[in-house]
Full PDB file with SEQRES, HELIX, SHEET, SSBOND, CRYST1, ORIGX, SCALE, CONECT and MASTER records, all heavy atoms in Angstrom:
SEQRES   1 A   29  ALA PRO GLY ARG ALA GLN VAL PHE THR THR VAL VAL ASP          
SEQRES   2 A   29  THR PHE LEU GLU LYS LEU VAL ALA ALA GLY SER TYR GLN          
SEQRES   3 A   29  ARG PHE VAL                                                  
HELIX    1 AA1 ARG A    4  ALA A   22  1                                  19    
HELIX    2 AA2 TYR A   25  PHE A   28  1                                   4    
CRYST1    1.000    1.000    1.000  90.00  90.00  90.00 P 1           1          
ORIGX1      1.000000  0.000000  0.000000        0.00000                         
ORIGX2      0.000000  1.000000  0.000000        0.00000                         
ORIGX3      0.000000  0.000000  1.000000        0.00000                         
SCALE1      1.000000  0.000000  0.000000        0.00000                         
SCALE2      0.000000  1.000000  0.000000        0.00000                         
SCALE3      0.000000  0.000000  1.000000        0.00000                         
ATOM      1  N   ALA A   1     -44.297  74.735  30.245  1.00  0.00           N  
ATOM      2  CA  ALA A   1     -42.893  74.733  30.609  1.00  0.00           C  
ATOM      3  C   ALA A   1     -42.648  73.505  31.475  1.00  0.00           C  
ATOM      4  O   ALA A   1     -43.521  73.058  32.198  1.00  0.00           O  
ATOM      5  CB  ALA A   1     -42.516  76.007  31.339  1.00  0.00           C  
ATOM      6  N   PRO A   2     -41.414  72.988  31.492  1.00  0.00           N  
ATOM      7  CA  PRO A   2     -41.137  71.837  32.346  1.00  0.00           C  
ATOM      8  C   PRO A   2     -41.245  72.233  33.806  1.00  0.00           C  
ATOM      9  O   PRO A   2     -40.920  73.348  34.174  1.00  0.00           O  
ATOM     10  CB  PRO A   2     -39.700  71.461  31.938  1.00  0.00           C  
ATOM     11  CG  PRO A   2     -39.106  72.689  31.326  1.00  0.00           C  
ATOM     12  CD  PRO A   2     -40.272  73.408  30.709  1.00  0.00           C  
ATOM     13  N   GLY A   3     -41.660  71.276  34.586  1.00  0.00           N  
ATOM     14  CA  GLY A   3     -41.775  71.544  36.015  1.00  0.00           C  
ATOM     15  C   GLY A   3     -40.442  71.602  36.683  1.00  0.00           C  
ATOM     16  O   GLY A   3     -39.414  71.232  36.113  1.00  0.00           O  
ATOM     17  N   ARG A   4     -40.430  72.109  37.903  1.00  0.00           N  
ATOM     18  CA  ARG A   4     -39.141  72.232  38.631  1.00  0.00           C  
ATOM     19  C   ARG A   4     -38.459  70.893  38.889  1.00  0.00           C  
ATOM     20  O   ARG A   4     -37.261  70.817  38.884  1.00  0.00           O  
ATOM     21  CB  ARG A   4     -39.384  72.991  39.944  1.00  0.00           C  
ATOM     22  CG  ARG A   4     -39.497  74.471  39.658  1.00  0.00           C  
ATOM     23  CD  ARG A   4     -40.047  75.269  40.838  1.00  0.00           C  
ATOM     24  NE  ARG A   4     -39.992  76.681  40.606  1.00  0.00           N  
ATOM     25  CZ  ARG A   4     -40.782  77.335  39.725  1.00  0.00           C  
ATOM     26  NH1 ARG A   4     -41.647  76.644  39.025  1.00  0.00           N  
ATOM     27  NH2 ARG A   4     -40.704  78.620  39.546  1.00  0.00           N  
ATOM     28  N   ALA A   5     -39.266  69.863  39.093  1.00  0.00           N  
ATOM     29  CA  ALA A   5     -38.699  68.542  39.326  1.00  0.00           C  
ATOM     30  C   ALA A   5     -37.935  68.060  38.068  1.00  0.00           C  
ATOM     31  O   ALA A   5     -36.848  67.514  38.147  1.00  0.00           O  
ATOM     32  CB  ALA A   5     -39.774  67.550  39.685  1.00  0.00           C  
ATOM     33  N   GLN A   6     -38.547  68.338  36.889  1.00  0.00           N  
ATOM     34  CA  GLN A   6     -37.891  67.964  35.621  1.00  0.00           C  
ATOM     35  C   GLN A   6     -36.628  68.769  35.458  1.00  0.00           C  
ATOM     36  O   GLN A   6     -35.568  68.252  34.995  1.00  0.00           O  
ATOM     37  CB  GLN A   6     -38.810  68.208  34.458  1.00  0.00           C  
ATOM     38  CG  GLN A   6     -40.001  67.253  34.409  1.00  0.00           C  
ATOM     39  CD  GLN A   6     -40.950  67.662  33.296  1.00  0.00           C  
ATOM     40  OE1 GLN A   6     -41.450  68.772  33.291  1.00  0.00           O  
ATOM     41  NE2 GLN A   6     -41.185  66.747  32.367  1.00  0.00           N  
ATOM     42  N   VAL A   7     -36.648  70.064  35.747  1.00  0.00           N  
ATOM     43  CA  VAL A   7     -35.479  70.921  35.620  1.00  0.00           C  
ATOM     44  C   VAL A   7     -34.384  70.416  36.558  1.00  0.00           C  
ATOM     45  O   VAL A   7     -33.195  70.324  36.151  1.00  0.00           O  
ATOM     46  CB  VAL A   7     -35.832  72.405  35.909  1.00  0.00           C  
ATOM     47  CG1 VAL A   7     -34.582  73.277  35.992  1.00  0.00           C  
ATOM     48  CG2 VAL A   7     -36.787  72.923  34.832  1.00  0.00           C  
ATOM     49  N   PHE A   8     -34.765  70.080  37.776  1.00  0.00           N  
ATOM     50  CA  PHE A   8     -33.777  69.542  38.763  1.00  0.00           C  
ATOM     51  C   PHE A   8     -33.114  68.305  38.226  1.00  0.00           C  
ATOM     52  O   PHE A   8     -31.902  68.138  38.288  1.00  0.00           O  
ATOM     53  CB  PHE A   8     -34.435  69.330  40.101  1.00  0.00           C  
ATOM     54  CG  PHE A   8     -33.524  68.829  41.174  1.00  0.00           C  
ATOM     55  CD1 PHE A   8     -32.611  69.704  41.800  1.00  0.00           C  
ATOM     56  CD2 PHE A   8     -33.494  67.501  41.557  1.00  0.00           C  
ATOM     57  CE1 PHE A   8     -31.779  69.250  42.759  1.00  0.00           C  
ATOM     58  CE2 PHE A   8     -32.669  67.016  42.516  1.00  0.00           C  
ATOM     59  CZ  PHE A   8     -31.756  67.923  43.130  1.00  0.00           C  
ATOM     60  N   THR A   9     -33.954  67.359  37.680  1.00  0.00           N  
ATOM     61  CA  THR A   9     -33.420  66.123  37.163  1.00  0.00           C  
ATOM     62  C   THR A   9     -32.465  66.382  35.994  1.00  0.00           C  
ATOM     63  O   THR A   9     -31.372  65.763  35.884  1.00  0.00           O  
ATOM     64  CB  THR A   9     -34.562  65.218  36.691  1.00  0.00           C  
ATOM     65  OG1 THR A   9     -35.417  64.976  37.818  1.00  0.00           O  
ATOM     66  CG2 THR A   9     -34.048  63.903  36.160  1.00  0.00           C  
ATOM     67  N   THR A  10     -32.814  67.355  35.126  1.00  0.00           N  
ATOM     68  CA  THR A  10     -31.960  67.696  34.018  1.00  0.00           C  
ATOM     69  C   THR A  10     -30.633  68.271  34.498  1.00  0.00           C  
ATOM     70  O   THR A  10     -29.555  67.968  33.942  1.00  0.00           O  
ATOM     71  CB  THR A  10     -32.679  68.723  33.086  1.00  0.00           C  
ATOM     72  OG1 THR A  10     -33.918  68.179  32.672  1.00  0.00           O  
ATOM     73  CG2 THR A  10     -31.807  69.059  31.908  1.00  0.00           C  
ATOM     74  N   VAL A  11     -30.695  69.103  35.513  1.00  0.00           N  
ATOM     75  CA  VAL A  11     -29.468  69.689  36.075  1.00  0.00           C  
ATOM     76  C   VAL A  11     -28.587  68.625  36.631  1.00  0.00           C  
ATOM     77  O   VAL A  11     -27.346  68.632  36.420  1.00  0.00           O  
ATOM     78  CB  VAL A  11     -29.791  70.753  37.130  1.00  0.00           C  
ATOM     79  CG1 VAL A  11     -28.577  71.155  37.948  1.00  0.00           C  
ATOM     80  CG2 VAL A  11     -30.421  72.007  36.462  1.00  0.00           C  
ATOM     81  N   VAL A  12     -29.175  67.682  37.384  1.00  0.00           N  
ATOM     82  CA  VAL A  12     -28.373  66.593  37.932  1.00  0.00           C  
ATOM     83  C   VAL A  12     -27.754  65.724  36.822  1.00  0.00           C  
ATOM     84  O   VAL A  12     -26.596  65.379  36.907  1.00  0.00           O  
ATOM     85  CB  VAL A  12     -29.259  65.684  38.845  1.00  0.00           C  
ATOM     86  CG1 VAL A  12     -28.571  64.425  39.241  1.00  0.00           C  
ATOM     87  CG2 VAL A  12     -29.630  66.474  40.116  1.00  0.00           C  
ATOM     88  N   ASP A  13     -28.521  65.424  35.799  1.00  0.00           N  
ATOM     89  CA  ASP A  13     -27.963  64.610  34.693  1.00  0.00           C  
ATOM     90  C   ASP A  13     -26.869  65.375  34.002  1.00  0.00           C  
ATOM     91  O   ASP A  13     -25.836  64.779  33.624  1.00  0.00           O  
ATOM     92  CB  ASP A  13     -29.077  64.282  33.685  1.00  0.00           C  
ATOM     93  CG  ASP A  13     -30.102  63.291  34.270  1.00  0.00           C  
ATOM     94  OD1 ASP A  13     -29.786  62.641  35.299  1.00  0.00           O  
ATOM     95  OD2 ASP A  13     -31.211  63.181  33.683  1.00  0.00           O  
ATOM     96  N   THR A  14     -26.988  66.667  33.774  1.00  0.00           N  
ATOM     97  CA  THR A  14     -25.966  67.475  33.149  1.00  0.00           C  
ATOM     98  C   THR A  14     -24.708  67.462  34.046  1.00  0.00           C  
ATOM     99  O   THR A  14     -23.586  67.374  33.550  1.00  0.00           O  
ATOM    100  CB  THR A  14     -26.427  68.915  32.920  1.00  0.00           C  
ATOM    101  OG1 THR A  14     -27.617  68.897  32.171  1.00  0.00           O  
ATOM    102  CG2 THR A  14     -25.400  69.736  32.242  1.00  0.00           C  
ATOM    103  N   PHE A  15     -24.917  67.579  35.358  1.00  0.00           N  
ATOM    104  CA  PHE A  15     -23.782  67.555  36.268  1.00  0.00           C  
ATOM    105  C   PHE A  15     -23.048  66.235  36.156  1.00  0.00           C  
ATOM    106  O   PHE A  15     -21.787  66.199  36.100  1.00  0.00           O  
ATOM    107  CB  PHE A  15     -24.277  67.764  37.730  1.00  0.00           C  
ATOM    108  CG  PHE A  15     -23.310  67.346  38.780  1.00  0.00           C  
ATOM    109  CD1 PHE A  15     -22.175  68.125  39.057  1.00  0.00           C  
ATOM    110  CD2 PHE A  15     -23.503  66.136  39.452  1.00  0.00           C  
ATOM    111  CE1 PHE A  15     -21.275  67.703  40.006  1.00  0.00           C  
ATOM    112  CE2 PHE A  15     -22.602  65.742  40.423  1.00  0.00           C  
ATOM    113  CZ  PHE A  15     -21.466  66.500  40.679  1.00  0.00           C  
ATOM    114  N   LEU A  16     -23.787  65.152  36.106  1.00  0.00           N  
ATOM    115  CA  LEU A  16     -23.121  63.814  36.001  1.00  0.00           C  
ATOM    116  C   LEU A  16     -22.387  63.700  34.644  1.00  0.00           C  
ATOM    117  O   LEU A  16     -21.241  63.115  34.655  1.00  0.00           O  
ATOM    118  CB  LEU A  16     -24.183  62.687  36.075  1.00  0.00           C  
ATOM    119  CG  LEU A  16     -24.662  62.379  37.473  1.00  0.00           C  
ATOM    120  CD1 LEU A  16     -25.836  61.374  37.455  1.00  0.00           C  
ATOM    121  CD2 LEU A  16     -23.498  61.855  38.317  1.00  0.00           C  
ATOM    122  N   GLU A  17     -22.923  64.237  33.578  1.00  0.00           N  
ATOM    123  CA  GLU A  17     -22.232  64.135  32.282  1.00  0.00           C  
ATOM    124  C   GLU A  17     -20.910  64.932  32.357  1.00  0.00           C  
ATOM    125  O   GLU A  17     -19.881  64.449  31.882  1.00  0.00           O  
ATOM    126  CB  GLU A  17     -23.119  64.690  31.182  1.00  0.00           C  
ATOM    127  CG  GLU A  17     -24.274  63.862  30.806  1.00  0.00           C  
ATOM    128  CD  GLU A  17     -25.247  64.507  29.822  1.00  0.00           C  
ATOM    129  OE1 GLU A  17     -24.817  65.560  29.220  1.00  0.00           O  
ATOM    130  OE2 GLU A  17     -26.340  63.993  29.641  1.00  0.00           O  
ATOM    131  N   LYS A  18     -20.973  66.105  32.979  1.00  0.00           N  
ATOM    132  CA  LYS A  18     -19.756  66.929  33.081  1.00  0.00           C  
ATOM    133  C   LYS A  18     -18.744  66.319  34.020  1.00  0.00           C  
ATOM    134  O   LYS A  18     -17.545  66.413  33.784  1.00  0.00           O  
ATOM    135  CB  LYS A  18     -20.107  68.337  33.469  1.00  0.00           C  
ATOM    136  CG  LYS A  18     -20.876  69.059  32.388  1.00  0.00           C  
ATOM    137  CD  LYS A  18     -21.089  70.509  32.709  1.00  0.00           C  
ATOM    138  CE  LYS A  18     -21.796  71.147  31.522  1.00  0.00           C  
ATOM    139  NZ  LYS A  18     -21.746  72.595  31.530  1.00  0.00           N  
ATOM    140  N   LEU A  19     -19.211  65.652  35.052  1.00  0.00           N  
ATOM    141  CA  LEU A  19     -18.344  64.970  35.962  1.00  0.00           C  
ATOM    142  C   LEU A  19     -17.598  63.863  35.260  1.00  0.00           C  
ATOM    143  O   LEU A  19     -16.395  63.688  35.419  1.00  0.00           O  
ATOM    144  CB  LEU A  19     -19.121  64.452  37.189  1.00  0.00           C  
ATOM    145  CG  LEU A  19     -18.307  63.757  38.262  1.00  0.00           C  
ATOM    146  CD1 LEU A  19     -17.389  64.733  38.956  1.00  0.00           C  
ATOM    147  CD2 LEU A  19     -19.243  63.088  39.250  1.00  0.00           C  
ATOM    148  N   VAL A  20     -18.327  63.082  34.511  1.00  0.00           N  
ATOM    149  CA  VAL A  20     -17.694  61.963  33.778  1.00  0.00           C  
ATOM    150  C   VAL A  20     -16.763  62.510  32.736  1.00  0.00           C  
ATOM    151  O   VAL A  20     -15.671  61.965  32.531  1.00  0.00           O  
ATOM    152  CB  VAL A  20     -18.799  61.047  33.090  1.00  0.00           C  
ATOM    153  CG1 VAL A  20     -18.207  60.104  32.138  1.00  0.00           C  
ATOM    154  CG2 VAL A  20     -19.569  60.346  34.189  1.00  0.00           C  
ATOM    155  N   ALA A  21     -17.126  63.597  32.075  1.00  0.00           N  
ATOM    156  CA  ALA A  21     -16.231  64.214  31.073  1.00  0.00           C  
ATOM    157  C   ALA A  21     -14.963  64.716  31.744  1.00  0.00           C  
ATOM    158  O   ALA A  21     -13.869  64.605  31.190  1.00  0.00           O  
ATOM    159  CB  ALA A  21     -16.966  65.339  30.328  1.00  0.00           C  
ATOM    160  N   ALA A  22     -15.072  65.302  32.978  1.00  0.00           N  
ATOM    161  CA  ALA A  22     -13.925  65.779  33.642  1.00  0.00           C  
ATOM    162  C   ALA A  22     -12.993  64.631  34.072  1.00  0.00           C  
ATOM    163  O   ALA A  22     -11.800  64.766  34.138  1.00  0.00           O  
ATOM    164  CB  ALA A  22     -14.333  66.579  34.876  1.00  0.00           C  
ATOM    165  N   GLY A  23     -13.612  63.504  34.389  1.00  0.00           N  
ATOM    166  CA  GLY A  23     -12.825  62.327  34.759  1.00  0.00           C  
ATOM    167  C   GLY A  23     -12.723  61.405  33.550  1.00  0.00           C  
ATOM    168  O   GLY A  23     -13.012  60.236  33.643  1.00  0.00           O  
ATOM    169  N   SER A  24     -12.200  61.932  32.480  1.00  0.00           N  
ATOM    170  CA  SER A  24     -12.110  61.160  31.193  1.00  0.00           C  
ATOM    171  C   SER A  24     -11.160  59.989  31.360  1.00  0.00           C  
ATOM    172  O   SER A  24     -10.309  59.927  32.261  1.00  0.00           O  
ATOM    173  CB  SER A  24     -11.669  62.048  30.078  1.00  0.00           C  
ATOM    174  OG  SER A  24     -10.339  62.459  30.271  1.00  0.00           O  
ATOM    175  N   TYR A  25     -11.329  59.080  30.416  1.00  0.00           N  
ATOM    176  CA  TYR A  25     -10.457  57.902  30.397  1.00  0.00           C  
ATOM    177  C   TYR A  25      -8.994  58.267  30.220  1.00  0.00           C  
ATOM    178  O   TYR A  25      -8.131  57.734  30.865  1.00  0.00           O  
ATOM    179  CB  TYR A  25     -10.913  56.945  29.276  1.00  0.00           C  
ATOM    180  CG  TYR A  25     -10.080  55.711  29.184  1.00  0.00           C  
ATOM    181  CD1 TYR A  25     -10.054  54.764  30.200  1.00  0.00           C  
ATOM    182  CD2 TYR A  25      -9.314  55.445  28.050  1.00  0.00           C  
ATOM    183  CE1 TYR A  25      -9.268  53.639  30.141  1.00  0.00           C  
ATOM    184  CE2 TYR A  25      -8.523  54.323  27.976  1.00  0.00           C  
ATOM    185  CZ  TYR A  25      -8.500  53.405  29.009  1.00  0.00           C  
ATOM    186  OH  TYR A  25      -7.746  52.280  28.940  1.00  0.00           O  
ATOM    187  N   GLN A  26      -8.791  59.313  29.434  1.00  0.00           N  
ATOM    188  CA  GLN A  26      -7.411  59.759  29.172  1.00  0.00           C  
ATOM    189  C   GLN A  26      -6.752  60.256  30.479  1.00  0.00           C  
ATOM    190  O   GLN A  26      -5.602  59.980  30.734  1.00  0.00           O  
ATOM    191  CB  GLN A  26      -7.389  60.867  28.119  1.00  0.00           C  
ATOM    192  CG  GLN A  26      -6.012  61.165  27.595  1.00  0.00           C  
ATOM    193  CD  GLN A  26      -5.311  59.903  27.019  1.00  0.00           C  
ATOM    194  OE1 GLN A  26      -5.841  59.119  26.291  1.00  0.00           O  
ATOM    195  NE2 GLN A  26      -4.039  59.722  27.428  1.00  0.00           N  
ATOM    196  N   ARG A  27      -7.487  60.989  31.280  1.00  0.00           N  
ATOM    197  CA  ARG A  27      -6.936  61.433  32.557  1.00  0.00           C  
ATOM    198  C   ARG A  27      -6.686  60.242  33.472  1.00  0.00           C  
ATOM    199  O   ARG A  27      -5.706  60.258  34.204  1.00  0.00           O  
ATOM    200  CB  ARG A  27      -7.926  62.426  33.209  1.00  0.00           C  
ATOM    201  CG  ARG A  27      -7.947  63.783  32.546  1.00  0.00           C  
ATOM    202  CD  ARG A  27      -8.802  64.748  33.279  1.00  0.00           C  
ATOM    203  NE  ARG A  27      -8.831  66.029  32.574  1.00  0.00           N  
ATOM    204  CZ  ARG A  27      -9.404  67.098  33.046  1.00  0.00           C  
ATOM    205  NH1 ARG A  27      -9.987  67.087  34.227  1.00  0.00           N  
ATOM    206  NH2 ARG A  27      -9.351  68.155  32.356  1.00  0.00           N  
ATOM    207  N   PHE A  28      -7.628  59.326  33.480  1.00  0.00           N  
ATOM    208  CA  PHE A  28      -7.457  58.122  34.288  1.00  0.00           C  
ATOM    209  C   PHE A  28      -6.173  57.396  33.862  1.00  0.00           C  
ATOM    210  O   PHE A  28      -5.381  57.002  34.743  1.00  0.00           O  
ATOM    211  CB  PHE A  28      -8.698  57.229  34.125  1.00  0.00           C  
ATOM    212  CG  PHE A  28      -8.726  56.060  35.056  1.00  0.00           C  
ATOM    213  CD1 PHE A  28      -9.149  56.199  36.353  1.00  0.00           C  
ATOM    214  CD2 PHE A  28      -8.380  54.803  34.571  1.00  0.00           C  
ATOM    215  CE1 PHE A  28      -9.202  55.089  37.203  1.00  0.00           C  
ATOM    216  CE2 PHE A  28      -8.407  53.701  35.454  1.00  0.00           C  
ATOM    217  CZ  PHE A  28      -8.850  53.848  36.758  1.00  0.00           C  
ATOM    218  N   VAL A  29      -5.979  57.269  32.602  1.00  0.00           N  
ATOM    219  CA  VAL A  29      -4.789  56.586  32.089  1.00  0.00           C  
ATOM    220  C   VAL A  29      -3.516  57.338  32.486  1.00  0.00           C  
ATOM    221  O   VAL A  29      -2.503  56.748  32.857  1.00  0.00           O  
ATOM    222  CB  VAL A  29      -4.866  56.426  30.531  1.00  0.00           C  
ATOM    223  CG1 VAL A  29      -3.524  56.018  29.940  1.00  0.00           C  
ATOM    224  CG2 VAL A  29      -5.888  55.383  30.209  1.00  0.00           C  
TER     225      VAL A  29                                                      
MASTER        0    0    0    2    0    0    0    6  224    1    0    3          
END                                                                             
């Protein structure tokens, strides 16, 4: 199974993707 460090990194990356999706270009416009 992936280690906790890998899981943490995956969670952070997922958070960033969702943050960018929430701040979409259309909303910015």
